Amino acid sequence: MKHVLSYELADGAHALAMEHYPAHRARLDEFHERGVLLLVGTFADEPIGAMAVFTTRDAVDEFMADDPFLKHGVVGHHRVREWDEVLQPE
């Protein structure tokens, strides 16, 4: 079971996102290097949204607890969902 975190930017938060992106990116890199963040990216047809796939709910919670995007109001709405991966790379 994986856990998917999805974000939607708060209204008018694009400039705020650019300000806090370096710290947000550093956090993403840290969790990826630890092996608990598998994938992350934005949606091509929805520039205000993004999602990340984590290995555990604990990893998601730890990430969110100190994410600059959440701490500084960049994110207007977020959601965590369990995801049952059917096909995995060999």
Protein backbone atom coordinates (compact mmCIF):
# COMPACT_ATOMS: atom_id res chain seq x y z
CA MET A 1 0.00 0.00 0.00
CA LYS A 2 1.33 3.43 -0.97
CA HIS A 3 0.06 6.85 0.10
CA VAL A 4 -0.63 9.71 -2.31
CA LEU A 5 -0.52 13.34 -1.22
CA SER A 6 -2.23 15.81 -3.53
CA TYR A 7 -1.95 19.60 -3.33
CA GLU A 8 -3.93 22.44 -4.84
CA LEU A 9 -2.42 25.92 -4.67
CA ALA A 10 -4.27 28.54 -2.69
CA ASP A 11 -5.88 31.29 -4.78
CA GLY A 12 -3.28 33.86 -5.77
CA ALA A 13 -0.42 31.89 -4.21
CA HIS A 14 1.79 31.56 -7.30
CA ALA A 15 4.30 34.23 -6.15
CA LEU A 16 4.30 32.72 -2.67
CA ALA A 17 4.98 29.29 -4.20
CA MET A 18 8.01 30.66 -6.07
CA GLU A 19 9.33 32.21 -2.84
CA HIS A 20 9.09 28.96 -0.87
CA TYR A 21 9.89 26.51 -3.69
CA PRO A 22 13.63 26.14 -2.92
CA ALA A 23 12.91 24.99 0.66
CA HIS A 24 10.01 22.80 -0.53
CA ARG A 25 12.26 21.24 -3.19
CA ALA A 26 14.99 20.57 -0.63
CA ARG A 27 12.44 18.71 1.51
CA LEU A 28 11.30 16.68 -1.51
CA ASP A 29 14.92 15.80 -2.29
CA GLU A 30 15.57 14.76 1.32
CA PHE A 31 12.58 12.39 1.40
CA HIS A 32 13.43 10.99 -2.03
CA GLU A 33 17.03 10.31 -1.00
CA ARG A 34 15.72 8.45 2.06
CA GLY A 35 13.63 6.28 -0.26
CA VAL A 36 10.24 7.20 1.24
CA LEU A 37 9.15 9.55 -1.58
CA LEU A 38 8.85 7.61 -4.82
CA LEU A 39 7.33 10.07 -7.29
CA VAL A 40 6.31 13.72 -7.34
CA GLY A 41 5.08 16.10 -10.02
CA THR A 42 2.54 18.57 -11.29
CA PHE A 43 -0.36 17.93 -13.63
CA ALA A 44 0.12 19.22 -17.18
CA ASP A 45 -3.52 20.18 -17.61
CA GLU A 46 -3.91 21.60 -14.10
CA PRO A 47 -1.03 23.93 -13.23
CA ILE A 48 -2.33 24.52 -9.73
CA GLY A 49 -2.13 20.88 -8.69
CA ALA A 50 0.54 18.34 -7.78
CA MET A 51 0.85 14.90 -6.25
CA ALA A 52 3.47 12.82 -4.51
CA VAL A 53 3.61 9.08 -3.86
CA PHE A 54 5.07 7.99 -0.51
CA THR A 55 5.88 4.53 0.81
CA THR A 56 4.01 4.97 4.13
CA ARG A 57 1.46 7.20 5.84
CA ASP A 58 4.07 8.03 8.47
CA ALA A 59 6.34 9.43 5.73
CA VAL A 60 3.49 11.61 4.40
CA ASP A 61 2.72 12.91 7.87
CA GLU A 62 6.37 13.65 8.57
CA PHE A 63 6.71 15.46 5.24
CA MET A 64 3.61 17.57 5.79
CA ALA A 65 4.56 18.48 9.37
CA ASP A 66 7.36 20.77 8.16
CA ASP A 67 6.58 21.41 4.49
CA PRO A 68 7.16 25.09 3.64
CA PHE A 69 4.20 25.05 1.24
CA LEU A 70 1.83 24.04 4.03
CA LYS A 71 3.48 26.22 6.68
CA HIS A 72 3.32 29.40 4.58
CA GLY A 73 -0.14 29.15 2.99
CA VAL A 74 0.91 28.11 -0.51
CA VAL A 75 -1.45 25.12 -0.40
CA GLY A 76 -5.17 25.82 -0.35
CA HIS A 77 -6.28 22.21 -0.16
CA HIS A 78 -4.49 18.92 0.34
CA ARG A 79 -5.57 15.32 0.56
CA VAL A 80 -3.90 12.03 1.49
CA ARG A 81 -5.23 8.80 0.02
CA GLU A 82 -4.19 5.17 0.27
CA TRP A 83 -3.23 3.75 -3.11
CA ASP A 84 -3.13 0.05 -3.84
CA GLU A 85 -0.45 -0.37 -6.47
CA VAL A 86 -1.36 -3.20 -8.87
CA LEU A 87 1.61 -3.29 -11.24
CA GLN A 88 5.14 -2.74 -10.02
CA PRO A 89 8.41 -2.50 -11.95
CA GLU A 90 10.41 -5.72 -12.01
